């Protein structure tokens, strides 16, 4: 794996983690400002995982 590819993967993981944190912590407060998008994205992702 090249360093460039690894950097891209890390960036994507950071973006996803930030989105999840914003959705969980601020989702209810900023529903009209994008929190709902983060929450829907994260809920949809989690529902696809086996329980």
C-alpha atoms as a PDB file:
ATOM      1  CA  UNK A   1       0.000   0.000   0.000  1.00  0.00           C
ATOM      2  CA  UNK A   2       1.436   3.357  -0.991  1.00  0.00           C
ATOM      3  CA  UNK A   3       1.650   6.239   1.448  1.00  0.00           C
ATOM      4  CA  UNK A   4      -0.717   8.242  -0.782  1.00  0.00           C
ATOM      5  CA  UNK A   5      -3.418   5.583  -0.649  1.00  0.00           C
ATOM      6  CA  UNK A   6      -3.015   5.195   3.098  1.00  0.00           C
ATOM      7  CA  UNK A   7      -3.372   8.962   3.535  1.00  0.00           C
ATOM      8  CA  UNK A   8      -6.599   8.962   1.517  1.00  0.00           C
ATOM      9  CA  UNK A   9      -8.052   6.132   3.612  1.00  0.00           C
ATOM     10  CA  UNK A  10      -7.143   7.939   6.831  1.00  0.00           C
ATOM     11  CA  UNK A  11      -8.763  11.136   5.543  1.00  0.00           C
ATOM     12  CA  UNK A  12     -11.987   9.280   4.718  1.00  0.00           C
ATOM     13  CA  UNK A  13     -12.053   7.655   8.162  1.00  0.00           C
ATOM     14  CA  UNK A  14     -11.534  11.049   9.813  1.00  0.00           C
ATOM     15  CA  UNK A  15     -14.352  12.617   7.770  1.00  0.00           C
ATOM     16  CA  UNK A  16     -16.693   9.748   8.683  1.00  0.00           C
ATOM     17  CA  UNK A  17     -15.750   9.953  12.367  1.00  0.00           C
ATOM     18  CA  UNK A  18     -16.305  13.721  12.457  1.00  0.00           C
ATOM     19  CA  UNK A  19     -19.661  13.309  10.708  1.00  0.00           C
ATOM     20  CA  UNK A  20     -20.703  10.636  13.205  1.00  0.00           C
ATOM     21  CA  UNK A  21     -19.730  12.772  16.189  1.00  0.00           C
ATOM     22  CA  UNK A  22     -21.568  15.800  14.813  1.00  0.00           C
ATOM     23  CA  UNK A  23     -24.628  13.666  14.045  1.00  0.00           C
ATOM     24  CA  UNK A  24     -24.734  12.113  17.501  1.00  0.00           C
ATOM     25  CA  UNK A  25     -23.882  15.162  19.611  1.00  0.00           C
ATOM     26  CA  UNK A  26     -25.312  18.046  17.583  1.00  0.00           C
ATOM     27  CA  UNK A  27     -27.844  16.287  15.353  1.00  0.00           C
ATOM     28  CA  UNK A  28     -30.884  17.253  17.427  1.00  0.00           C
ATOM     29  CA  UNK A  29     -29.703  20.843  17.787  1.00  0.00           C
ATOM     30  CA  UNK A  30     -28.851  21.547  14.146  1.00  0.00           C
ATOM     31  CA  UNK A  31     -31.377  19.365  12.316  1.00  0.00           C
ATOM     32  CA  UNK A  32     -32.045  22.199   9.882  1.00  0.00           C
ATOM     33  CA  UNK A  33     -28.341  22.850   9.319  1.00  0.00           C
ATOM     34  CA  UNK A  34     -27.232  19.398   8.204  1.00  0.00           C
ATOM     35  CA  UNK A  35     -27.338  17.352  11.402  1.00  0.00           C
ATOM     36  CA  UNK A  36     -30.206  15.321   9.947  1.00  0.00           C
ATOM     37  CA  UNK A  37     -28.046  14.387   6.955  1.00  0.00           C
ATOM     38  CA  UNK A  38     -25.303  13.062   9.237  1.00  0.00           C
ATOM     39  CA  UNK A  39     -27.826  11.168  11.364  1.00  0.00           C
ATOM     40  CA  UNK A  40     -29.577   9.595   8.366  1.00  0.00           C
ATOM     41  CA  UNK A  41     -26.227   8.628   6.828  1.00  0.00           C
ATOM     42  CA  UNK A  42     -24.996   7.034  10.052  1.00  0.00           C
ATOM     43  CA  UNK A  43     -28.281   5.266  10.826  1.00  0.00           C
ATOM     44  CA  UNK A  44     -28.434   3.877   7.301  1.00  0.00           C
ATOM     45  CA  UNK A  45     -24.853   2.639   7.601  1.00  0.00           C
ATOM     46  CA  UNK A  46     -25.432   1.043  11.008  1.00  0.00           C
ATOM     47  CA  UNK A  47     -28.644  -0.696   9.954  1.00  0.00           C
ATOM     48  CA  UNK A  48     -26.682  -2.555   7.273  1.00  0.00           C
ATOM     49  CA  UNK A  49     -24.371  -4.056   9.889  1.00  0.00           C
ATOM     50  CA  UNK A  50     -25.227  -7.424  11.484  1.00  0.00           C
ATOM     51  CA  UNK A  51     -26.510  -7.128  15.031  1.00  0.00           C
END
